[in-house]
Protein backbone atom coordinates (compact mmCIF):
# COMPACT_ATOMS: atom_id res chain seq x y z
CA UNK A 1 -41.43 20.09 -82.76
CA UNK A 2 -40.79 20.30 -79.04
CA UNK A 3 -41.37 23.53 -77.20
CA UNK A 4 -38.67 25.13 -75.08
CA UNK A 5 -38.77 27.63 -72.27
CA UNK A 6 -38.53 31.17 -73.60
CA UNK A 7 -34.98 32.46 -73.08
CA UNK A 8 -34.28 35.68 -71.24
CA UNK A 9 -34.26 38.76 -73.46
CA UNK A 10 -30.74 39.96 -74.26
CA UNK A 11 -29.49 43.50 -73.90
CA UNK A 12 -30.07 44.38 -77.57
CA UNK A 13 -33.85 43.92 -77.21
CA UNK A 14 -34.85 46.83 -75.01
CA UNK A 15 -37.72 48.55 -76.80
CA UNK A 16 -41.03 48.69 -74.97
CA UNK A 17 -44.11 47.64 -76.96
CA UNK A 18 -46.84 50.17 -76.20
CA UNK A 19 -50.07 50.46 -78.18
CA UNK A 20 -51.19 53.57 -76.31
CA UNK A 21 -49.59 56.09 -78.65
CA UNK A 22 -50.84 59.65 -78.65
CA UNK A 23 -50.34 62.63 -80.92
CA UNK A 24 -51.37 63.73 -84.38
CA UNK A 25 -51.21 60.31 -86.05
CA UNK A 26 -53.33 58.64 -83.40
CA UNK A 27 -55.86 61.46 -83.58
CA UNK A 28 -56.20 61.04 -87.35
CA UNK A 29 -56.52 57.26 -87.09
CA UNK A 30 -59.16 57.56 -84.39
CA UNK A 31 -61.13 60.24 -86.18
CA UNK A 32 -61.21 58.24 -89.43
CA UNK A 33 -61.76 54.86 -87.69
CA UNK A 34 -58.72 53.26 -89.32
CA UNK A 35 -56.92 50.15 -88.16
CA UNK A 36 -53.16 49.77 -88.33
CA UNK A 37 -51.02 46.68 -88.13
CA UNK A 38 -48.78 48.81 -85.91
CA UNK A 39 -51.31 48.57 -83.10
CA UNK A 40 -53.06 45.30 -83.87
CA UNK A 41 -49.82 43.33 -84.22
CA UNK A 42 -48.16 45.10 -81.27
CA UNK A 43 -45.21 46.31 -83.34
CA UNK A 44 -42.24 47.39 -81.20
CA UNK A 45 -41.51 50.25 -83.62
CA UNK A 46 -44.90 51.93 -83.28
CA UNK A 47 -43.71 55.06 -81.44
CA UNK A 48 -40.90 55.64 -83.91
CA UNK A 49 -43.14 55.28 -86.95
CA UNK A 50 -45.96 57.38 -85.56
CA UNK A 51 -43.40 60.07 -84.68
CA UNK A 52 -42.39 60.07 -88.37
CA UNK A 53 -46.05 60.60 -89.34
CA UNK A 54 -46.39 57.17 -90.90
CA UNK A 55 -48.26 53.95 -90.25
CA UNK A 56 -49.05 50.66 -91.95
CA UNK A 57 -52.76 50.60 -92.66
CA UNK A 58 -54.75 47.43 -91.97
CA UNK A 59 -57.79 47.05 -94.19
CA UNK A 60 -60.73 44.63 -94.26
CA UNK A 61 -61.30 44.86 -90.52
CA UNK A 62 -59.22 43.72 -87.57
CA UNK A 63 -60.30 40.06 -87.35
CA UNK A 64 -58.43 37.41 -89.34
CA UNK A 65 -59.91 34.13 -90.58
CA UNK A 66 -56.60 32.25 -90.19
CA UNK A 67 -55.12 30.91 -86.96
CA UNK A 68 -51.42 31.82 -87.20
CA UNK A 69 -49.86 31.28 -83.78
CA UNK A 70 -47.24 34.02 -84.05
CA UNK A 71 -49.61 36.93 -84.68
CA UNK A 72 -51.37 39.23 -82.21
CA UNK A 73 -54.16 40.15 -84.62
CA UNK A 74 -57.55 38.86 -83.45
CA UNK A 75 -58.92 35.66 -84.98
CA UNK A 76 -62.53 34.74 -85.59
CA UNK A 77 -65.49 35.71 -87.75
CA UNK A 78 -64.90 39.10 -89.41
CA UNK A 79 -67.44 41.87 -89.80
CA UNK A 80 -68.88 42.69 -93.22
CA UNK A 81 -66.58 44.64 -95.55
CA UNK A 82 -66.62 48.40 -94.97
CA UNK A 83 -66.96 49.85 -98.46
CA UNK A 84 -66.02 53.38 -97.32
CA UNK A 85 -62.68 52.26 -95.92
CA UNK A 86 -60.58 52.99 -99.06
CA UNK A 87 -61.58 56.66 -99.08
CA UNK A 88 -60.80 57.04 -95.37
CA UNK A 89 -57.38 55.48 -95.89
CA UNK A 90 -56.72 57.92 -98.73
CA UNK A 91 -57.70 60.84 -96.50
CA UNK A 92 -55.40 59.62 -93.74
CA UNK A 93 -52.48 59.36 -96.18
CA UNK A 94 -53.18 62.92 -97.32
CA UNK A 95 -53.52 64.38 -93.83
CA UNK A 96 -50.39 62.61 -92.60
CA UNK A 97 -48.42 63.68 -95.65
CA UNK A 98 -47.22 60.16 -96.38
CA UNK A 99 -45.03 59.82 -99.49
CA UNK A 100 -44.58 56.04 -99.22
CA UNK A 101 -47.50 54.08 -97.83
CA UNK A 102 -47.89 50.42 -96.95
CA UNK A 103 -51.34 48.85 -96.96
CA UNK A 104 -51.92 45.36 -95.61
CA UNK A 105 -54.93 43.36 -94.47
CA UNK A 106 -56.15 40.55 -92.34
CA UNK A 107 -56.73 37.33 -94.30
CA UNK A 108 -60.34 37.11 -95.45
CA UNK A 109 -60.93 33.55 -96.64
CA UNK A 110 -64.65 34.23 -96.18
CA UNK A 111 -64.78 36.58 -99.18
CA UNK A 112 -65.17 35.39 -102.77
CA UNK A 113 -62.14 37.40 -103.91
CA UNK A 114 -60.36 37.17 -100.52
CA UNK A 115 -60.42 40.96 -100.36
CA UNK A 116 -58.48 41.68 -103.56
CA UNK A 117 -61.16 44.09 -104.76
CA UNK A 118 -60.87 46.27 -101.67
CA UNK A 119 -57.09 46.34 -102.08
CA UNK A 120 -57.59 47.65 -105.60
CA UNK A 121 -60.11 50.28 -104.49
CA UNK A 122 -57.74 51.37 -101.71
CA UNK A 123 -54.83 51.73 -104.14
CA UNK A 124 -57.05 53.75 -106.49
CA UNK A 125 -58.35 55.99 -103.72
CA UNK A 126 -54.87 56.69 -102.37
CA UNK A 127 -53.54 57.49 -105.83
CA UNK A 128 -56.47 59.79 -106.59
CA UNK A 129 -55.88 61.88 -103.45
CA UNK A 130 -52.09 61.47 -103.30
CA UNK A 131 -50.68 61.17 -106.84
CA UNK A 132 -47.06 61.52 -105.68
CA UNK A 133 -47.28 58.80 -103.04
CA UNK A 134 -45.63 55.44 -103.73
CA UNK A 135 -47.75 52.46 -102.69
CA UNK A 136 -46.72 49.09 -101.32
CA UNK A 137 -49.29 46.40 -100.63
CA UNK A 138 -48.52 43.56 -98.22
CA UNK A 139 -51.01 40.94 -99.36
CA UNK A 140 -52.30 37.63 -97.99
CA UNK A 141 -51.93 34.60 -100.25
CA UNK A 142 -55.44 34.91 -101.78
CA UNK A 143 -55.19 31.08 -101.91
CA UNK A 144 -52.86 31.71 -104.89
CA UNK A 145 -55.86 32.63 -107.05
CA UNK A 146 -54.37 34.05 -110.25
CA UNK A 147 -57.38 36.27 -110.94
CA UNK A 148 -57.04 37.90 -107.52
CA UNK A 149 -53.35 38.49 -108.12
CA UNK A 150 -54.06 39.95 -111.54
CA UNK A 151 -56.36 42.50 -109.94
CA UNK A 152 -53.56 43.65 -107.64
CA UNK A 153 -51.03 43.73 -110.47
CA UNK A 154 -53.34 45.78 -112.71
CA UNK A 155 -53.65 48.39 -109.94
CA UNK A 156 -49.87 48.90 -110.32
CA UNK A 157 -48.55 49.46 -106.80
CA UNK A 158 -44.82 50.09 -106.72
CA UNK A 159 -44.17 47.03 -104.53
CA UNK A 160 -46.16 43.87 -103.85
CA UNK A 161 -45.10 42.12 -100.67
CA UNK A 162 -46.06 38.70 -99.37
CA UNK A 163 -44.31 37.31 -96.30
CA UNK A 164 -43.24 33.68 -96.04
CA UNK A 165 -42.73 34.36 -92.31
CA UNK A 166 -40.89 31.13 -91.48
CA UNK A 167 -39.34 27.93 -92.82
CA UNK A 168 -41.56 25.31 -94.50
CA UNK A 169 -41.25 22.76 -91.68
CA UNK A 170 -42.86 25.19 -89.21
CA UNK A 171 -45.97 26.00 -91.24
CA UNK A 172 -48.15 23.28 -89.72
CA UNK A 173 -47.64 24.59 -86.19
CA UNK A 174 -47.03 28.29 -86.81
CA UNK A 175 -49.10 29.18 -89.89
CA UNK A 176 -52.19 26.99 -89.84
CA UNK A 177 -54.22 27.44 -93.01
CA UNK A 178 -51.23 28.63 -95.01
CA UNK A 179 -48.88 26.70 -97.26
CA UNK A 180 -45.21 27.47 -97.91
CA UNK A 181 -45.19 26.48 -101.58
CA UNK A 182 -48.47 28.28 -102.19
CA UNK A 183 -46.93 31.45 -100.78
CA UNK A 184 -43.88 31.03 -102.99
CA UNK A 185 -46.19 30.60 -105.96
CA UNK A 186 -47.83 33.96 -105.16
CA UNK A 187 -44.49 35.75 -105.53
CA UNK A 188 -43.66 33.68 -108.60
CA UNK A 189 -46.95 34.55 -110.31
CA UNK A 190 -46.51 38.27 -109.67
CA UNK A 191 -43.07 38.19 -111.30
CA UNK A 192 -44.26 36.16 -114.26
CA UNK A 193 -47.15 38.54 -114.93
CA UNK A 194 -45.47 41.88 -114.22
CA UNK A 195 -42.29 43.85 -113.64
CA UNK A 196 -43.49 45.04 -110.22
CA UNK A 197 -40.94 44.73 -107.43
CA UNK A 198 -41.69 41.91 -104.98
CA UNK A 199 -40.78 41.63 -101.34
CA UNK A 200 -40.96 39.04 -98.58
CA UNK A 201 -40.04 38.71 -94.93
CA UNK A 202 -39.05 36.15 -92.34
CA UNK A 203 -39.19 36.02 -88.56
CA UNK A 204 -36.15 34.43 -86.93
CA UNK A 205 -35.95 32.79 -83.54
CA UNK A 206 -38.66 30.14 -83.77
CA UNK A 207 -36.14 27.31 -83.75
CA UNK A 208 -35.03 27.29 -87.39
CA UNK A 209 -31.45 26.42 -88.32
CA UNK A 210 -29.14 28.65 -90.33
CA UNK A 211 -29.24 26.25 -93.25
CA UNK A 212 -33.04 26.27 -93.22
CA UNK A 213 -33.02 30.08 -93.39
CA UNK A 214 -30.57 30.04 -96.28
CA UNK A 215 -32.79 27.51 -98.03
CA UNK A 216 -35.75 29.90 -97.83
CA UNK A 217 -33.61 32.75 -99.18
CA UNK A 218 -32.62 30.61 -102.15
CA UNK A 219 -36.28 29.72 -102.73
CA UNK A 220 -37.21 33.41 -102.72
CA UNK A 221 -34.54 34.30 -105.23
CA UNK A 222 -35.61 31.39 -107.42
CA UNK A 223 -38.99 33.14 -107.85
CA UNK A 224 -37.35 36.50 -108.46
CA UNK A 225 -38.07 38.16 -105.12
CA UNK A 226 -36.34 41.57 -105.04
CA UNK A 227 -36.51 42.71 -101.43
CA UNK A 228 -36.13 40.92 -98.10
CA UNK A 229 -36.77 41.73 -94.45
CA UNK A 230 -35.44 39.65 -91.55
CA UNK A 231 -36.45 40.37 -87.96
CA UNK A 232 -36.61 38.77 -84.53
CA UNK A 233 -39.83 36.99 -83.60
CA UNK A 234 -41.27 38.32 -80.35
CA UNK A 235 -44.19 36.34 -78.94
CA UNK A 236 -47.14 38.68 -78.29
CA UNK A 237 -48.22 36.65 -75.23
CA UNK A 238 -47.70 33.36 -73.43
CA UNK A 239 -50.56 31.93 -75.49
CA UNK A 240 -48.69 32.46 -78.72
CA UNK A 241 -45.95 30.36 -80.27
CA UNK A 242 -42.90 30.54 -77.99
CA UNK A 243 -39.59 32.18 -78.82
CA UNK A 244 -36.87 29.57 -79.15
CA UNK A 245 -33.89 31.88 -79.61
CA UNK A 246 -33.02 35.55 -79.53
CA UNK A 247 -30.87 35.79 -82.62
CA UNK A 248 -27.73 37.89 -82.20
CA UNK A 249 -27.25 40.99 -84.38
CA UNK A 250 -24.11 39.40 -85.83
CA UNK A 251 -26.22 36.54 -87.18
CA UNK A 252 -28.64 38.98 -88.77
CA UNK A 253 -25.66 40.63 -90.47
CA UNK A 254 -24.53 37.23 -91.74
CA UNK A 255 -27.92 36.48 -93.29
CA UNK A 256 -27.97 39.95 -94.86
CA UNK A 257 -24.60 39.38 -96.50
CA UNK A 258 -25.66 35.96 -97.77
CA UNK A 259 -28.94 37.35 -99.11
CA UNK A 260 -27.15 40.10 -101.01
CA UNK A 261 -24.82 37.51 -102.51
CA UNK A 262 -27.89 35.67 -103.77
CA UNK A 263 -29.00 38.79 -105.62
CA UNK A 264 -31.61 40.55 -103.48
CA UNK A 265 -31.68 44.24 -104.38
CA UNK A 266 -32.11 45.37 -100.79
CA UNK A 267 -32.11 43.56 -97.45
CA UNK A 268 -33.13 44.89 -94.03
CA UNK A 269 -31.91 42.51 -91.34
CA UNK A 270 -31.76 43.20 -87.63
CA UNK A 271 -33.79 42.19 -84.57
CA UNK A 272 -36.30 45.07 -84.75
CA UNK A 273 -36.91 44.94 -88.50
CA UNK A 274 -40.50 44.34 -89.50
CA UNK A 275 -41.67 43.93 -93.09
CA UNK A 276 -43.18 47.42 -93.28
CA UNK A 277 -40.62 49.21 -91.11
CA UNK A 278 -38.77 51.96 -93.05
CA UNK A 279 -40.35 50.45 -96.15
CA UNK A 280 -39.47 53.41 -98.34
CA UNK A 281 -35.78 52.54 -98.11
CA UNK A 282 -36.15 49.38 -100.18
CA UNK A 283 -36.96 51.36 -103.34
CA UNK A 284 -34.69 54.29 -102.55
CA UNK A 285 -31.60 52.26 -101.75
CA UNK A 286 -32.30 49.10 -103.71
CA UNK A 287 -33.39 50.53 -107.04
CA UNK A 288 -32.78 54.26 -107.43
């Protein structure tokens, strides 16, 4: 793959990415020493979500063992697992009054269970303190370990999400350490072992063709994936994988229509969509 100069941002991409949010949510997160993917991944929707008293919680530290070139999360050697983290997450959910919570993590290939046990403890802690709150977990691939996936399934979150992120041909350069077919198998295993709703997401604008995107959508439906998010890739810095194209909103609408034709229950598709953004709408509008 040959790199191209990053194109100039178009008029429809005018949000400012600012991690320095203030207010009640930030105070709670700081007081409880909780990480969020909102801040660590430099999400452009952070102000909007914090204003709605919600956040996507990032467990198992803030250092990832994988070297994905699209992601702003720090890479390196993680700290030991914080065993008190699940209870603090549960308290944050309670204090923020969250009725639909998304919990994700860095990838922890250094752990025997890749962090599945802490996911389960976090789900349990949230449910104990917030019995009316729906829970979505956005999981790493756990190296497609069936026992790890069974642990997550047995905890019974309402949605299990695992993002493919991009087309298979880009994995070697964009998602080092990950494997497209392994990620598909994660979603396939969840569906074969449970009736839990599954979800995945793609970033557009890395240089993929329309036919390649449609191919991924067909692959996702072939493993029974229920929900889909499509958003514009925005490079966190000049050191990250470059943006090849700023995809027009009309093209996002096209992919949404095609995805719905394939049978997805709900599709969020526009430049500022992120996999956890307005996550409650997938169940509300896609199922109920």
